[in-house]
Amino acid sequence: MYRADFERLNLSLRQALEVGDFEMACAIDAQRRDLLLAMMQAPEDARSLEVLDFIETCAIENANLCAELEASLGDLSRRSSQSRKMMQAYNS
């Protein structure tokens, strides 16, 4: 159950990042964090070694996706700054 939901959210997050929908990406990331929390709060018998390994894999993927998001936001900020500078130069 958790694995399919998390993989679906990862796919949606990647799609949101690809199109530059950062508001959607942040909303999806919040859902992913809630799901990870739910997995960790599941009864101990539900947290088998397989589930814990999956959570570790999720944490690694989460770090990679966060790095991609930060890079995308940095790129957007740079492009915005360049556009602003060009507009200021044009208006001068």
PDB file of N, CA and C in Angstrom:
ATOM      1  N   MET A   1       0.827  -1.184   0.000  1.00  0.00           N
ATOM      2  CA  MET A   1       0.000   0.000   0.000  1.00  0.00           C
ATOM      3  C   MET A   1       0.875   1.253   0.000  1.00  0.00           C
ATOM      4  N   TYR A   2       1.752   1.371   0.981  1.00  0.00           N
ATOM      5  CA  TYR A   2       2.594   2.564   1.071  1.00  0.00           C
ATOM      6  C   TYR A   2       3.496   2.713  -0.149  1.00  0.00           C
ATOM      7  N   ARG A   3       4.053   1.600  -0.575  1.00  0.00           N
ATOM      8  CA  ARG A   3       5.022   1.645  -1.681  1.00  0.00           C
ATOM      9  C   ARG A   3       4.368   2.197  -2.948  1.00  0.00           C
ATOM     10  N   ALA A   4       3.209   1.708  -3.309  1.00  0.00           N
ATOM     11  CA  ALA A   4       2.530   2.175  -4.525  1.00  0.00           C
ATOM     12  C   ALA A   4       2.170   3.657  -4.403  1.00  0.00           C
ATOM     13  N   ASP A   5       1.687   4.049  -3.232  1.00  0.00           N
ATOM     14  CA  ASP A   5       1.342   5.463  -3.021  1.00  0.00           C
ATOM     15  C   ASP A   5       2.583   6.342  -3.125  1.00  0.00           C
ATOM     16  N   PHE A   6       3.670   5.903  -2.520  1.00  0.00           N
ATOM     17  CA  PHE A   6       4.888   6.705  -2.533  1.00  0.00           C
ATOM     18  C   PHE A   6       5.459   6.803  -3.954  1.00  0.00           C
ATOM     19  N   GLU A   7       5.446   5.700  -4.671  1.00  0.00           N
ATOM     20  CA  GLU A   7       5.951   5.715  -6.043  1.00  0.00           C
ATOM     21  C   GLU A   7       5.087   6.615  -6.930  1.00  0.00           C
ATOM     22  N   ARG A   8       3.765   6.605  -6.716  1.00  0.00           N
ATOM     23  CA  ARG A   8       2.869   7.479  -7.468  1.00  0.00           C
ATOM     24  C   ARG A   8       3.184   8.943  -7.161  1.00  0.00           C
ATOM     25  N   LEU A   9       3.412   9.248  -5.893  1.00  0.00           N
ATOM     26  CA  LEU A   9       3.755  10.626  -5.512  1.00  0.00           C
ATOM     27  C   LEU A   9       5.107  11.037  -6.093  1.00  0.00           C
ATOM     28  N   ASN A  10       6.069  10.124  -6.114  1.00  0.00           N
ATOM     29  CA  ASN A  10       7.375  10.432  -6.707  1.00  0.00           C
ATOM     30  C   ASN A  10       7.237  10.773  -8.182  1.00  0.00           C
ATOM     31  N   LEU A  11       6.431   9.986  -8.893  1.00  0.00           N
ATOM     32  CA  LEU A  11       6.207  10.245 -10.315  1.00  0.00           C
ATOM     33  C   LEU A  11       5.541  11.611 -10.504  1.00  0.00           C
ATOM     34  N   SER A  12       4.538  11.896  -9.701  1.00  0.00           N
ATOM     35  CA  SER A  12       3.850  13.191  -9.798  1.00  0.00           C
ATOM     36  C   SER A  12       4.798  14.339  -9.475  1.00  0.00           C
ATOM     37  N   LEU A  13       5.674  14.131  -8.505  1.00  0.00           N
ATOM     38  CA  LEU A  13       6.636  15.170  -8.137  1.00  0.00           C
ATOM     39  C   LEU A  13       7.604  15.435  -9.283  1.00  0.00           C
ATOM     40  N   ARG A  14       8.100  14.376  -9.885  1.00  0.00           N
ATOM     41  CA  ARG A  14       9.011  14.549 -11.020  1.00  0.00           C
ATOM     42  C   ARG A  14       8.319  15.280 -12.172  1.00  0.00           C
ATOM     43  N   GLN A  15       7.059  14.947 -12.432  1.00  0.00           N
ATOM     44  CA  GLN A  15       6.324  15.615 -13.503  1.00  0.00           C
ATOM     45  C   GLN A  15       6.132  17.100 -13.185  1.00  0.00           C
ATOM     46  N   ALA A  16       5.815  17.416 -11.955  1.00  0.00           N
ATOM     47  CA  ALA A  16       5.642  18.813 -11.558  1.00  0.00           C
ATOM     48  C   ALA A  16       6.953  19.579 -11.714  1.00  0.00           C
ATOM     49  N   LEU A  17       8.075  18.945 -11.368  1.00  0.00           N
ATOM     50  CA  LEU A  17       9.372  19.596 -11.520  1.00  0.00           C
ATOM     51  C   LEU A  17       9.707  19.806 -12.988  1.00  0.00           C
ATOM     52  N   GLU A  18       9.371  18.832 -13.819  1.00  0.00           N
ATOM     53  CA  GLU A  18       9.680  18.938 -15.252  1.00  0.00           C
ATOM     54  C   GLU A  18       8.961  20.105 -15.911  1.00  0.00           C
ATOM     55  N   VAL A  19       7.738  20.382 -15.471  1.00  0.00           N
ATOM     56  CA  VAL A  19       6.980  21.489 -16.077  1.00  0.00           C
ATOM     57  C   VAL A  19       7.153  22.788 -15.307  1.00  0.00           C
ATOM     58  N   GLY A  20       7.898  22.743 -14.207  1.00  0.00           N
ATOM     59  CA  GLY A  20       8.168  23.955 -13.433  1.00  0.00           C
ATOM     60  C   GLY A  20       7.020  24.383 -12.542  1.00  0.00           C
ATOM     61  N   ASP A  21       6.138  23.448 -12.180  1.00  0.00           N
ATOM     62  CA  ASP A  21       5.023  23.770 -11.283  1.00  0.00           C
ATOM     63  C   ASP A  21       5.490  23.559  -9.840  1.00  0.00           C
ATOM     64  N   PHE A  22       6.146  24.587  -9.300  1.00  0.00           N
ATOM     65  CA  PHE A  22       6.768  24.455  -7.986  1.00  0.00           C
ATOM     66  C   PHE A  22       5.739  24.433  -6.858  1.00  0.00           C
ATOM     67  N   GLU A  23       4.607  25.082  -7.063  1.00  0.00           N
ATOM     68  CA  GLU A  23       3.552  25.034  -6.048  1.00  0.00           C
ATOM     69  C   GLU A  23       3.036  23.604  -5.911  1.00  0.00           C
ATOM     70  N   MET A  24       2.810  22.950  -7.042  1.00  0.00           N
ATOM     71  CA  MET A  24       2.360  21.551  -7.030  1.00  0.00           C
ATOM     72  C   MET A  24       3.459  20.660  -6.450  1.00  0.00           C
ATOM     73  N   ALA A  25       4.705  20.909  -6.812  1.00  0.00           N
ATOM     74  CA  ALA A  25       5.817  20.103  -6.302  1.00  0.00           C
ATOM     75  C   ALA A  25       5.884  20.180  -4.777  1.00  0.00           C
ATOM     76  N   CYS A  26       5.697  21.371  -4.237  1.00  0.00           N
ATOM     77  CA  CYS A  26       5.732  21.522  -2.771  1.00  0.00           C
ATOM     78  C   CYS A  26       4.560  20.794  -2.116  1.00  0.00           C
ATOM     79  N   ALA A  27       3.380  20.860  -2.740  1.00  0.00           N
ATOM     80  CA  ALA A  27       2.210  20.160  -2.191  1.00  0.00           C
ATOM     81  C   ALA A  27       2.420  18.650  -2.219  1.00  0.00           C
ATOM     82  N   ILE A  28       2.970  18.152  -3.310  1.00  0.00           N
ATOM     83  CA  ILE A  28       3.228  16.714  -3.431  1.00  0.00           C
ATOM     84  C   ILE A  28       4.288  16.290  -2.430  1.00  0.00           C
ATOM     85  N   ASP A  29       5.327  17.109  -2.252  1.00  0.00           N
ATOM     86  CA  ASP A  29       6.375  16.782  -1.288  1.00  0.00           C
ATOM     87  C   ASP A  29       5.798  16.698   0.121  1.00  0.00           C
ATOM     88  N   ALA A  30       4.862  17.579   0.454  1.00  0.00           N
ATOM     89  CA  ALA A  30       4.219  17.520   1.775  1.00  0.00           C
ATOM     90  C   ALA A  30       3.450  16.211   1.933  1.00  0.00           C
ATOM     91  N   GLN A  31       2.782  15.765   0.882  1.00  0.00           N
ATOM     92  CA  GLN A  31       2.074  14.478   0.929  1.00  0.00           C
ATOM     93  C   GLN A  31       3.049  13.336   1.128  1.00  0.00           C
ATOM     94  N   ARG A  32       4.190  13.406   0.459  1.00  0.00           N
ATOM     95  CA  ARG A  32       5.206  12.355   0.600  1.00  0.00           C
ATOM     96  C   ARG A  32       5.728  12.291   2.023  1.00  0.00           C
ATOM     97  N   ARG A  33       5.980  13.467   2.615  1.00  0.00           N
ATOM     98  CA  ARG A  33       6.456  13.489   4.007  1.00  0.00           C
ATOM     99  C   ARG A  33       5.423  12.904   4.948  1.00  0.00           C
ATOM    100  N   ASP A  34       4.148  13.234   4.733  1.00  0.00           N
ATOM    101  CA  ASP A  34       3.076  12.678   5.564  1.00  0.00           C
ATOM    102  C   ASP A  34       3.027  11.162   5.432  1.00  0.00           C
ATOM    103  N   LEU A  35       3.211  10.667   4.206  1.00  0.00           N
ATOM    104  CA  LEU A  35       3.195   9.223   3.974  1.00  0.00           C
ATOM    105  C   LEU A  35       4.377   8.544   4.670  1.00  0.00           C
ATOM    106  N   LEU A  36       5.558   9.156   4.587  1.00  0.00           N
ATOM    107  CA  LEU A  36       6.718   8.597   5.290  1.00  0.00           C
ATOM    108  C   LEU A  36       6.472   8.541   6.794  1.00  0.00           C
ATOM    109  N   LEU A  37       5.875   9.594   7.326  1.00  0.00           N
ATOM    110  CA  LEU A  37       5.558   9.627   8.754  1.00  0.00           C
ATOM    111  C   LEU A  37       4.573   8.516   9.106  1.00  0.00           C
ATOM    112  N   ALA A  38       3.572   8.327   8.260  1.00  0.00           N
ATOM    113  CA  ALA A  38       2.593   7.254   8.498  1.00  0.00           C
ATOM    114  C   ALA A  38       3.269   5.884   8.476  1.00  0.00           C
ATOM    115  N   MET A  39       4.219   5.695   7.555  1.00  0.00           N
ATOM    116  CA  MET A  39       4.936   4.420   7.493  1.00  0.00           C
ATOM    117  C   MET A  39       5.723   4.184   8.778  1.00  0.00           C
ATOM    118  N   MET A  40       6.340   5.237   9.287  1.00  0.00           N
ATOM    119  CA  MET A  40       7.149   5.082  10.493  1.00  0.00           C
ATOM    120  C   MET A  40       6.284   4.892  11.734  1.00  0.00           C
ATOM    121  N   GLN A  41       5.048   5.347  11.696  1.00  0.00           N
ATOM    122  CA  GLN A  41       4.163   5.220  12.851  1.00  0.00           C
ATOM    123  C   GLN A  41       3.308   3.962  12.800  1.00  0.00           C
ATOM    124  N   ALA A  42       3.462   3.178  11.734  1.00  0.00           N
ATOM    125  CA  ALA A  42       2.707   1.928  11.604  1.00  0.00           C
ATOM    126  C   ALA A  42       3.124   0.989  12.736  1.00  0.00           C
ATOM    127  N   PRO A  43       2.233   0.089  13.110  1.00  0.00           N
ATOM    128  CA  PRO A  43       2.600  -0.885  14.158  1.00  0.00           C
ATOM    129  C   PRO A  43       3.900  -1.598  13.797  1.00  0.00           C
ATOM    130  N   GLU A  44       4.639  -1.975  14.814  1.00  0.00           N
ATOM    131  CA  GLU A  44       5.967  -2.550  14.597  1.00  0.00           C
ATOM    132  C   GLU A  44       5.942  -3.771  13.683  1.00  0.00           C
ATOM    133  N   ASP A  45       4.909  -4.595  13.784  1.00  0.00           N
ATOM    134  CA  ASP A  45       4.867  -5.777  12.934  1.00  0.00           C
ATOM    135  C   ASP A  45       4.688  -5.409  11.453  1.00  0.00           C
ATOM    136  N   ALA A  46       4.156  -4.207  11.189  1.00  0.00           N
ATOM    137  CA  ALA A  46       4.011  -3.756   9.811  1.00  0.00           C
ATOM    138  C   ALA A  46       5.323  -3.185   9.283  1.00  0.00           C
ATOM    139  N   ARG A  47       6.235  -2.861  10.204  1.00  0.00           N
ATOM    140  CA  ARG A  47       7.527  -2.294   9.805  1.00  0.00           C
ATOM    141  C   ARG A  47       8.556  -3.404   9.702  1.00  0.00           C
ATOM    142  N   SER A  48       8.354  -4.277   8.777  1.00  0.00           N
ATOM    143  CA  SER A  48       9.296  -5.368   8.568  1.00  0.00           C
ATOM    144  C   SER A  48      10.590  -4.814   7.989  1.00  0.00           C
ATOM    145  N   LEU A  49      11.572  -5.669   7.882  1.00  0.00           N
ATOM    146  CA  LEU A  49      12.852  -5.274   7.294  1.00  0.00           C
ATOM    147  C   LEU A  49      12.650  -4.741   5.882  1.00  0.00           C
ATOM    148  N   GLU A  50      11.732  -5.350   5.146  1.00  0.00           N
ATOM    149  CA  GLU A  50      11.455  -4.900   3.781  1.00  0.00           C
ATOM    150  C   GLU A  50      10.921  -3.463   3.780  1.00  0.00           C
ATOM    151  N   VAL A  51      10.010  -3.164   4.701  1.00  0.00           N
ATOM    152  CA  VAL A  51       9.446  -1.813   4.785  1.00  0.00           C
ATOM    153  C   VAL A  51      10.525  -0.824   5.195  1.00  0.00           C
ATOM    154  N   LEU A  52      11.354  -1.202   6.145  1.00  0.00           N
ATOM    155  CA  LEU A  52      12.421  -0.303   6.587  1.00  0.00           C
ATOM    156  C   LEU A  52      13.435  -0.055   5.469  1.00  0.00           C
ATOM    157  N   ASP A  53      13.737  -1.088   4.694  1.00  0.00           N
ATOM    158  CA  ASP A  53      14.621  -0.910   3.536  1.00  0.00           C
ATOM    159  C   ASP A  53      13.985   0.037   2.519  1.00  0.00           C
ATOM    160  N   PHE A  54      12.683  -0.114   2.320  1.00  0.00           N
ATOM    161  CA  PHE A  54      11.974   0.765   1.394  1.00  0.00           C
ATOM    162  C   PHE A  54      12.018   2.202   1.890  1.00  0.00           C
ATOM    163  N   ILE A  55      11.833   2.407   3.183  1.00  0.00           N
ATOM    164  CA  ILE A  55      11.887   3.761   3.750  1.00  0.00           C
ATOM    165  C   ILE A  55      13.273   4.367   3.547  1.00  0.00           C
ATOM    166  N   GLU A  56      14.316   3.565   3.728  1.00  0.00           N
ATOM    167  CA  GLU A  56      15.675   4.053   3.503  1.00  0.00           C
ATOM    168  C   GLU A  56      15.868   4.456   2.039  1.00  0.00           C
ATOM    169  N   THR A  57      15.364   3.624   1.133  1.00  0.00           N
ATOM    170  CA  THR A  57      15.437   3.946  -0.297  1.00  0.00           C
ATOM    171  C   THR A  57      14.672   5.232  -0.582  1.00  0.00           C
ATOM    172  N   CYS A  58      13.515   5.380   0.055  1.00  0.00           N
ATOM    173  CA  CYS A  58      12.706   6.598  -0.114  1.00  0.00           C
ATOM    174  C   CYS A  58      13.467   7.825   0.369  1.00  0.00           C
ATOM    175  N   ALA A  59      14.157   7.690   1.470  1.00  0.00           N
ATOM    176  CA  ALA A  59      14.917   8.819   2.009  1.00  0.00           C
ATOM    177  C   ALA A  59      16.006   9.250   1.029  1.00  0.00           C
ATOM    178  N   ILE A  60      16.663   8.293   0.399  1.00  0.00           N
ATOM    179  CA  ILE A  60      17.701   8.612  -0.590  1.00  0.00           C
ATOM    180  C   ILE A  60      17.073   9.304  -1.796  1.00  0.00           C
ATOM    181  N   GLU A  61      15.965   8.746  -2.275  1.00  0.00           N
ATOM    182  CA  GLU A  61      15.288   9.355  -3.423  1.00  0.00           C
ATOM    183  C   GLU A  61      14.758  10.737  -3.067  1.00  0.00           C
ATOM    184  N   ASN A  62      14.268  10.878  -1.848  1.00  0.00           N
ATOM    185  CA  ASN A  62      13.777  12.173  -1.392  1.00  0.00           C
ATOM    186  C   ASN A  62      14.899  13.210  -1.426  1.00  0.00           C
ATOM    187  N   ALA A  63      16.068  12.824  -0.976  1.00  0.00           N
ATOM    188  CA  ALA A  63      17.212  13.746  -0.998  1.00  0.00           C
ATOM    189  C   ALA A  63      17.555  14.138  -2.431  1.00  0.00           C
ATOM    190  N   ASN A  64      17.513  13.171  -3.345  1.00  0.00           N
ATOM    191  CA  ASN A  64      17.792  13.466  -4.754  1.00  0.00           C
ATOM    192  C   ASN A  64      16.742  14.403  -5.343  1.00  0.00           C
ATOM    193  N   LEU A  65      15.470  14.143  -5.044  1.00  0.00           N
ATOM    194  CA  LEU A  65      14.405  15.008  -5.559  1.00  0.00           C
ATOM    195  C   LEU A  65      14.493  16.411  -4.974  1.00  0.00           C
ATOM    196  N   CYS A  66      14.848  16.504  -3.704  1.00  0.00           N
ATOM    197  CA  CYS A  66      15.014  17.822  -3.084  1.00  0.00           C
ATOM    198  C   CYS A  66      16.157  18.582  -3.753  1.00  0.00           C
ATOM    199  N   ALA A  67      17.230  17.886  -4.071  1.00  0.00           N
ATOM    200  CA  ALA A  67      18.351  18.536  -4.765  1.00  0.00           C
ATOM    201  C   ALA A  67      17.913  19.022  -6.138  1.00  0.00           C
ATOM    202  N   GLU A  68      17.107  18.208  -6.844  1.00  0.00           N
ATOM    203  CA  GLU A  68      16.587  18.627  -8.148  1.00  0.00           C
ATOM    204  C   GLU A  68      15.690  19.851  -8.007  1.00  0.00           C
ATOM    205  N   LEU A  69      14.839  19.847  -6.980  1.00  0.00           N
ATOM    206  CA  LEU A  69      13.945  20.977  -6.743  1.00  0.00           C
ATOM    207  C   LEU A  69      14.741  22.241  -6.451  1.00  0.00           C
ATOM    208  N   GLU A  70      15.744  22.129  -5.608  1.00  0.00           N
ATOM    209  CA  GLU A  70      16.581  23.289  -5.286  1.00  0.00           C
ATOM    210  C   GLU A  70      17.303  23.803  -6.531  1.00  0.00           C
ATOM    211  N   ALA A  71      17.796  22.907  -7.357  1.00  0.00           N
ATOM    212  CA  ALA A  71      18.479  23.318  -8.586  1.00  0.00           C
ATOM    213  C   ALA A  71      17.496  24.019  -9.527  1.00  0.00           C
ATOM    214  N   SER A  72      16.298  23.481  -9.642  1.00  0.00           N
ATOM    215  CA  SER A  72      15.283  24.090 -10.506  1.00  0.00           C
ATOM    216  C   SER A  72      14.892  25.468  -9.998  1.00  0.00           C
ATOM    217  N   LEU A  73      14.723  25.594  -8.691  1.00  0.00           N
ATOM    218  CA  LEU A  73      14.376  26.893  -8.115  1.00  0.00           C
ATOM    219  C   LEU A  73      15.517  27.893  -8.302  1.00  0.00           C
ATOM    220  N   GLY A  74      16.752  27.437  -8.165  1.00  0.00           N
ATOM    221  CA  GLY A  74      17.909  28.306  -8.387  1.00  0.00           C
ATOM    222  C   GLY A  74      17.967  28.783  -9.824  1.00  0.00           C
ATOM    223  N   ASP A  75      17.695  27.871 -10.760  1.00  0.00           N
ATOM    224  CA  ASP A  75      17.685  28.227 -12.180  1.00  0.00           C
ATOM    225  C   ASP A  75      16.575  29.241 -12.457  1.00  0.00           C
ATOM    226  N   LEU A  76      15.414  29.016 -11.896  1.00  0.00           N
ATOM    227  CA  LEU A  76      14.297  29.943 -12.074  1.00  0.00           C
ATOM    228  C   LEU A  76      14.648  31.320 -11.508  1.00  0.00           C
ATOM    229  N   SER A  77      15.285  31.351 -10.375  1.00  0.00           N
ATOM    230  CA  SER A  77      15.690  32.610  -9.757  1.00  0.00           C
ATOM    231  C   SER A  77      16.698  33.357 -10.630  1.00  0.00           C
ATOM    232  N   ARG A  78      17.661  32.609 -11.182  1.00  0.00           N
ATOM    233  CA  ARG A  78      18.657  33.237 -12.061  1.00  0.00           C
ATOM    234  C   ARG A  78      18.007  33.809 -13.320  1.00  0.00           C
ATOM    235  N   ARG A  79      17.103  33.032 -13.916  1.00  0.00           N
ATOM    236  CA  ARG A  79      16.418  33.523 -15.123  1.00  0.00           C
ATOM    237  C   ARG A  79      15.557  34.733 -14.816  1.00  0.00           C
ATOM    238  N   SER A  80      14.919  34.721 -13.684  1.00  0.00           N
ATOM    239  CA  SER A  80      14.089  35.857 -13.281  1.00  0.00           C
ATOM    240  C   SER A  80      14.949  37.103 -13.079  1.00  0.00           C
ATOM    241  N   SER A  81      16.084  36.927 -12.448  1.00  0.00           N
ATOM    242  CA  SER A  81      17.002  38.042 -12.214  1.00  0.00           C
ATOM    243  C   SER A  81      17.517  38.600 -13.537  1.00  0.00           C
ATOM    244  N   GLN A  82      17.864  37.719 -14.467  1.00  0.00           N
ATOM    245  CA  GLN A  82      18.349  38.168 -15.776  1.00  0.00           C
ATOM    246  C   GLN A  82      17.255  38.932 -16.521  1.00  0.00           C
ATOM    247  N   SER A  83      16.032  38.430 -16.457  1.00  0.00           N
ATOM    248  CA  SER A  83      14.920  39.119 -17.123  1.00  0.00           C
ATOM    249  C   SER A  83      14.688  40.498 -16.515  1.00  0.00           C
ATOM    250  N   ARG A  84      14.760  40.562 -15.212  1.00  0.00           N
ATOM    251  CA  ARG A  84      14.573  41.846 -14.518  1.00  0.00           C
ATOM    252  C   ARG A  84      15.662  42.831 -14.932  1.00  0.00           C
ATOM    253  N   LYS A  85      16.895  42.365 -15.017  1.00  0.00           N
ATOM    254  CA  LYS A  85      18.004  43.232 -15.428  1.00  0.00           C
ATOM    255  C   LYS A  85      17.823  43.703 -16.867  1.00  0.00           C
ATOM    256  N   MET A  86      17.370  42.794 -17.741  1.00  0.00           N
ATOM    257  CA  MET A  86      17.142  43.189 -19.127  1.00  0.00           C
ATOM    258  C   MET A  86      16.029  44.235 -19.226  1.00  0.00           C
ATOM    259  N   MET A  87      14.975  44.067 -18.446  1.00  0.00           N
ATOM    260  CA  MET A  87      13.880  45.039 -18.458  1.00  0.00           C
ATOM    261  C   MET A  87      14.362  46.389 -17.927  1.00  0.00           C
ATOM    262  N   GLN A  88      15.172  46.384 -16.890  1.00  0.00           N
ATOM    263  CA  GLN A  88      15.700  47.639 -16.354  1.00  0.00           C
ATOM    264  C   GLN A  88      16.578  48.329 -17.378  1.00  0.00           C
ATOM    265  N   ALA A  89      17.408  47.559 -18.076  1.00  0.00           N
ATOM    266  CA  ALA A  89      18.290  48.140 -19.108  1.00  0.00           C
ATOM    267  C   ALA A  89      17.449  48.678 -20.257  1.00  0.00           C
ATOM    268  N   TYR A  90      16.404  48.003 -20.616  1.00  0.00           N
ATOM    269  CA  TYR A  90      15.541  48.441 -21.720  1.00  0.00           C
ATOM    270  C   TYR A  90      14.802  49.727 -21.352  1.00  0.00           C
ATOM    271  N   ASN A  91      14.384  49.836 -20.103  1.00  0.00           N
ATOM    272  CA  ASN A  91      13.630  51.006 -19.653  1.00  0.00           C
ATOM    273  C   ASN A  91      14.536  52.202 -19.357  1.00  0.00           C
ATOM    274  N   SER A  92      15.825  52.011 -19.318  1.00  0.00           N
ATOM    275  CA  SER A  92      16.757  53.115 -18.983  1.00  0.00           C
ATOM    276  C   SER A  92      17.061  53.974 -20.177  1.00  0.00           C
TER     277      SER A  92
END
